[in-house]
Amino acid sequence: MPIKFDDSANVNECEGTIVTPGNLTPAGERIVKVPVLLQEVSVQIPLRAKIKFCDPVLEIKKIKKRVKVTQCRLIQPRSTRGPRGKLFLSGFVRKNIQYATPWDADKDEVFSRLRSLTVDIPFDCVVDIDKFLTPPVGPFFNVRREFDFLVNKPLPSGFPEKDELMSTDLSQFHQQSTEFFNEIVFCELVRSEITEWDEATNRKPLKKGPFEEGTFTELVEKMVLDLTLKVLQNQQVRVQSKERDHEE
């Protein structure tokens, strides 16, 4: 049987005690593996979209937006001017548009229903990173090397008896392979800002309604999306821990 709680039940206060952390690593020089900031970048992305509604729209009531990044990958081309990179960004802006759609009207009043439409507006761009606060480690390239053995074989007729064929054996294959598992560069979203301009393109007067009212089904949207991202990579870092830090 499920437990029922009274709506007016209050939450009791719990007592907490501060404790000293145990099992600390001894003081001294240590090497730790942590996310290291390679660079922090600000990206401005212009967007344009045409949104179509299934119902006639009398008025936009509210628009809620969320930015979602689906890909953030760093590619390092060859460069003679030091470490550089191209940051490939992909994602979309999720928009939930709440609007009023009329179902009846007269010369003084308009009766409407509140509905919503959710759309995804995609973006895709490449950002040039011409310098790093900390350069990326790698990538280290895989290596495959072949080796063979000398094989002596008798020669067919037509060659001197003392001569032999000295070569490698084509029936055998020998190889040494080295594979590196590089740390991938990743991103963290810090901040997003959207400036937008929406305007109807096919607004028509509302039949039987007040003279100033009208409806539309198409909206052209212009947006400027500003993103701030941290470009990170897990790296090994040497740190120094003092004895008094552990005593405290």
Protein backbone atom coordinates (compact mmCIF):
# COMPACT_ATOMS: atom_id res chain seq x y z
CA MET A 1 0.00 0.00 0.00
CA PRO A 2 1.53 3.37 -0.95
CA ILE A 3 2.43 5.81 1.81
CA LYS A 4 0.36 8.97 1.88
CA PHE A 5 1.75 12.28 3.02
CA ASP A 6 -0.21 15.23 4.31
CA ASP A 7 0.18 18.28 2.06
CA SER A 8 0.87 20.40 5.14
CA ALA A 9 3.66 18.15 6.47
CA ASN A 10 6.84 20.07 7.23
CA VAL A 11 10.46 19.00 6.70
CA ASN A 12 12.48 18.44 9.85
CA GLU A 13 15.97 19.88 10.22
CA CYS A 14 18.85 17.38 10.12
CA GLU A 15 22.07 17.89 12.08
CA GLY A 16 25.31 17.84 10.08
CA THR A 17 28.88 17.53 11.34
CA ILE A 18 32.03 18.62 9.50
CA VAL A 19 34.59 15.79 9.38
CA THR A 20 38.25 15.70 8.41
CA PRO A 21 38.91 13.75 5.19
CA GLY A 22 40.89 10.56 5.68
CA ASN A 23 43.16 8.37 3.54
CA LEU A 24 45.06 11.36 2.16
CA THR A 25 47.90 10.91 -0.29
CA PRO A 26 51.26 11.64 1.39
CA ALA A 27 52.83 15.03 0.71
CA GLY A 28 55.31 15.41 -2.11
CA GLU A 29 55.44 15.63 -5.86
CA ARG A 30 52.62 13.87 -7.66
CA ILE A 31 51.43 13.39 -11.23
CA VAL A 32 47.68 13.66 -11.66
CA LYS A 33 45.44 13.24 -14.67
CA VAL A 34 42.93 16.09 -14.91
CA PRO A 35 41.01 18.09 -17.54
CA VAL A 36 43.32 20.88 -18.74
CA LEU A 37 41.97 24.06 -20.36
CA LEU A 38 43.36 24.34 -23.88
CA GLN A 39 41.43 27.47 -24.79
CA GLU A 40 38.18 29.30 -24.07
CA VAL A 41 36.42 30.57 -27.18
CA SER A 42 33.45 32.80 -27.93
CA VAL A 43 31.55 31.88 -31.09
CA GLN A 44 28.91 33.96 -32.90
CA ILE A 45 26.59 32.01 -35.21
CA PRO A 46 23.97 33.73 -37.43
CA LEU A 47 20.83 31.67 -38.10
CA ARG A 48 17.81 32.09 -40.32
CA ALA A 49 14.72 29.88 -40.44
CA LYS A 50 11.16 29.84 -41.76
CA ILE A 51 8.63 28.38 -39.34
CA LYS A 52 5.21 27.19 -40.52
CA PHE A 53 2.24 26.79 -38.18
CA CYS A 54 -0.59 24.29 -38.63
CA ASP A 55 -3.10 26.78 -37.19
CA PRO A 56 -3.65 30.47 -37.89
CA VAL A 57 -1.71 32.48 -35.32
CA LEU A 58 -3.29 35.53 -33.77
CA GLU A 59 -0.43 36.35 -31.40
CA ILE A 60 2.82 34.88 -30.10
CA LYS A 61 2.51 34.60 -26.33
CA LYS A 62 5.90 33.25 -25.30
CA ILE A 63 9.01 31.59 -26.77
CA LYS A 64 11.29 29.37 -24.68
CA LYS A 65 14.70 28.46 -26.09
CA ARG A 66 17.35 25.89 -25.22
CA VAL A 67 20.73 25.50 -26.92
CA LYS A 68 21.92 21.93 -27.50
CA VAL A 69 25.39 21.11 -28.87
CA THR A 70 25.61 17.68 -30.51
CA GLN A 71 29.22 17.80 -31.70
CA CYS A 72 32.35 19.71 -30.71
CA ARG A 73 35.49 18.22 -32.25
CA LEU A 74 38.99 19.66 -32.64
CA ILE A 75 41.03 18.81 -35.74
CA GLN A 76 44.67 19.88 -35.88
CA PRO A 77 45.97 20.45 -39.42
CA ARG A 78 49.65 20.79 -40.20
CA SER A 79 50.96 24.28 -39.45
CA THR A 80 54.36 25.99 -39.51
CA ARG A 81 53.17 28.67 -37.07
CA GLY A 82 52.81 26.46 -34.02
CA PRO A 83 49.83 24.51 -32.71
CA ARG A 84 46.55 25.48 -34.39
CA GLY A 85 43.15 23.87 -34.68
CA LYS A 86 39.76 23.83 -36.35
CA LEU A 87 36.83 23.37 -33.98
CA PHE A 88 33.81 21.75 -35.65
CA LEU A 89 30.54 22.73 -33.96
CA SER A 90 27.10 21.25 -34.57
CA GLY A 91 23.85 21.47 -32.69
CA PHE A 92 20.45 23.09 -32.68
CA VAL A 93 18.30 25.62 -30.88
CA ARG A 94 15.14 24.07 -29.48
CA LYS A 95 12.28 26.55 -29.53
CA ASN A 96 8.89 26.10 -27.90
CA ILE A 97 6.49 28.73 -29.25
CA GLN A 98 3.26 29.34 -27.37
CA TYR A 99 0.65 31.14 -29.45
CA ALA A 100 -3.04 32.02 -29.55
CA THR A 101 -5.16 30.69 -32.41
CA PRO A 102 -8.68 32.14 -32.85
CA TRP A 103 -11.77 29.95 -33.08
CA ASP A 104 -14.46 32.66 -33.11
CA ALA A 105 -14.67 36.44 -33.34
CA ASP A 106 -16.98 39.41 -33.72
CA LYS A 107 -16.36 43.10 -34.24
CA ASP A 108 -15.42 43.63 -30.58
CA GLU A 109 -13.96 40.31 -29.37
CA VAL A 110 -11.69 37.46 -30.41
CA PHE A 111 -11.95 34.03 -28.78
CA SER A 112 -8.73 32.03 -28.91
CA ARG A 113 -7.16 28.77 -27.81
CA LEU A 114 -3.62 28.54 -26.48
CA ARG A 115 -1.38 26.11 -28.35
CA SER A 116 2.33 25.46 -28.77
CA LEU A 117 4.78 24.42 -31.46
CA THR A 118 8.25 22.96 -30.82
CA VAL A 119 10.90 23.21 -33.54
CA ASP A 120 14.65 22.53 -33.76
CA ILE A 121 16.75 25.06 -35.66
CA PRO A 122 20.11 23.45 -36.57
CA PHE A 123 23.51 25.13 -36.78
CA ASP A 124 26.84 23.93 -38.12
CA CYS A 125 30.11 25.89 -38.27
CA VAL A 126 33.89 25.69 -37.98
CA VAL A 127 35.89 27.89 -35.59
CA ASP A 128 39.56 28.71 -36.21
CA ILE A 129 41.73 28.46 -33.08
CA ASP A 130 45.06 30.11 -33.88
CA LYS A 131 46.67 29.65 -30.45
CA PHE A 132 46.29 27.61 -27.27
CA LEU A 133 46.73 28.44 -23.61
CA THR A 134 48.00 24.87 -23.27
CA PRO A 135 48.73 22.91 -26.46
CA PRO A 136 46.95 19.59 -26.99
CA VAL A 137 48.90 16.41 -26.35
CA GLY A 138 49.07 14.25 -29.46
CA PRO A 139 47.72 12.79 -31.51
CA PHE A 140 50.29 10.02 -31.71
CA PHE A 141 50.09 8.01 -34.91
CA ASN A 142 49.78 4.25 -35.14
CA VAL A 143 52.80 2.45 -36.61
CA ARG A 144 52.92 -0.76 -38.63
CA ARG A 145 56.28 -2.20 -39.68
CA GLU A 146 56.96 -5.32 -41.72
CA PHE A 147 60.00 -7.54 -41.37
CA ASP A 148 61.23 -10.62 -43.26
CA PHE A 149 63.79 -13.39 -42.95
CA LEU A 150 66.44 -14.48 -45.41
CA VAL A 151 65.67 -17.77 -47.11
CA ASN A 152 68.10 -19.82 -49.24
CA LYS A 153 66.56 -21.99 -51.95
CA PRO A 154 68.10 -24.09 -54.72
CA LEU A 155 67.93 -22.74 -58.23
CA PRO A 156 66.32 -24.61 -61.11
CA SER A 157 68.25 -26.12 -63.95
CA GLY A 158 70.19 -23.67 -66.05
CA PHE A 159 72.07 -22.17 -63.09
CA PRO A 160 75.40 -23.29 -61.62
CA GLU A 161 74.98 -26.06 -59.02
CA LYS A 162 76.76 -24.13 -56.28
CA ASP A 163 74.52 -21.05 -56.66
CA GLU A 164 71.43 -20.53 -54.47
CA LEU A 165 68.46 -18.17 -54.50
CA MET A 166 68.78 -15.80 -51.55
CA SER A 167 65.59 -13.84 -50.89
CA THR A 168 62.63 -13.47 -48.55
CA ASP A 169 59.80 -15.95 -48.38
CA LEU A 170 56.67 -14.65 -50.13
CA SER A 171 54.56 -17.28 -48.38
CA GLN A 172 55.10 -15.65 -44.98
CA PHE A 173 54.14 -12.25 -43.57
CA HIS A 174 55.59 -10.70 -40.41
CA GLN A 175 54.56 -7.41 -38.84
CA GLN A 176 54.94 -5.32 -35.69
CA SER A 177 52.04 -2.95 -34.89
CA THR A 178 51.85 -0.11 -32.39
CA GLU A 179 48.50 1.48 -31.53
CA PHE A 180 48.05 4.68 -29.50
CA PHE A 181 44.88 5.46 -27.57
CA ASN A 182 44.94 9.25 -27.63
CA GLU A 183 42.98 11.46 -25.25
CA ILE A 184 40.20 13.14 -27.22
CA VAL A 185 39.64 16.89 -26.95
CA PHE A 186 36.17 17.76 -25.63
CA CYS A 187 34.12 20.87 -24.88
CA GLU A 188 32.04 22.33 -22.07
CA LEU A 189 29.33 24.92 -22.58
CA VAL A 190 29.80 27.98 -20.40
CA ARG A 191 27.24 30.47 -21.68
CA SER A 192 24.78 31.06 -24.50
CA GLU A 193 22.98 34.20 -25.60
CA ILE A 194 20.38 34.52 -28.36
CA THR A 195 19.27 37.73 -30.03
CA GLU A 196 16.36 37.18 -32.39
CA TRP A 197 14.00 39.00 -34.72
CA ASP A 198 10.76 37.27 -35.71
CA GLU A 199 8.28 38.62 -38.23
CA ALA A 200 5.20 37.22 -39.96
CA THR A 201 5.28 37.05 -43.76
CA ASN A 202 1.67 36.24 -44.67
CA ARG A 203 -0.47 38.10 -42.14
CA LYS A 204 -4.10 38.58 -43.23
CA PRO A 205 -7.00 40.46 -41.62
CA LEU A 206 -9.16 38.39 -39.28
CA LYS A 207 -12.60 37.77 -40.72
CA LYS A 208 -15.49 39.09 -38.58
CA GLY A 209 -12.97 40.38 -36.03
CA PRO A 210 -11.84 43.85 -34.98
CA PHE A 211 -10.23 45.76 -37.85
CA GLU A 212 -6.72 45.72 -36.36
CA GLU A 213 -6.60 41.95 -35.76
CA GLY A 214 -5.06 39.44 -38.16
CA THR A 215 -3.58 35.96 -38.39
CA PHE A 216 -0.56 34.35 -40.04
CA THR A 217 0.87 30.85 -40.58
CA GLU A 218 4.48 31.62 -41.57
CA LEU A 219 7.17 33.23 -39.48
CA VAL A 220 10.64 34.21 -40.67
CA GLU A 221 13.17 34.17 -37.88
CA LYS A 222 16.63 35.73 -37.76
CA MET A 223 18.85 34.84 -34.82
CA VAL A 224 22.37 35.53 -33.63
CA LEU A 225 23.63 32.81 -31.30
CA ASP A 226 26.61 33.63 -29.08
CA LEU A 227 28.30 30.65 -27.43
CA THR A 228 31.15 30.52 -24.93
CA LEU A 229 32.91 27.15 -24.70
CA LYS A 230 35.84 25.66 -22.87
CA VAL A 231 38.05 23.37 -24.97
CA LEU A 232 39.55 20.70 -22.68
CA GLN A 233 41.70 17.60 -22.75
CA ASN A 234 42.61 15.12 -20.03
CA GLN A 235 46.36 15.48 -19.47
CA GLN A 236 48.92 14.37 -16.91
CA VAL A 237 50.01 17.31 -14.74
CA ARG A 238 52.82 17.42 -12.19
CA VAL A 239 51.72 18.99 -8.87
CA GLN A 240 53.50 19.70 -5.59
CA SER A 241 51.78 18.99 -2.27
CA LYS A 242 53.22 20.44 0.95
CA GLU A 243 53.21 18.68 4.31
CA ARG A 244 51.20 21.39 6.09
CA ASP A 245 48.41 21.05 3.53
CA HIS A 246 47.84 17.54 4.87
CA GLU A 247 48.22 18.54 8.50
CA GLU A 248 45.42 21.09 8.15
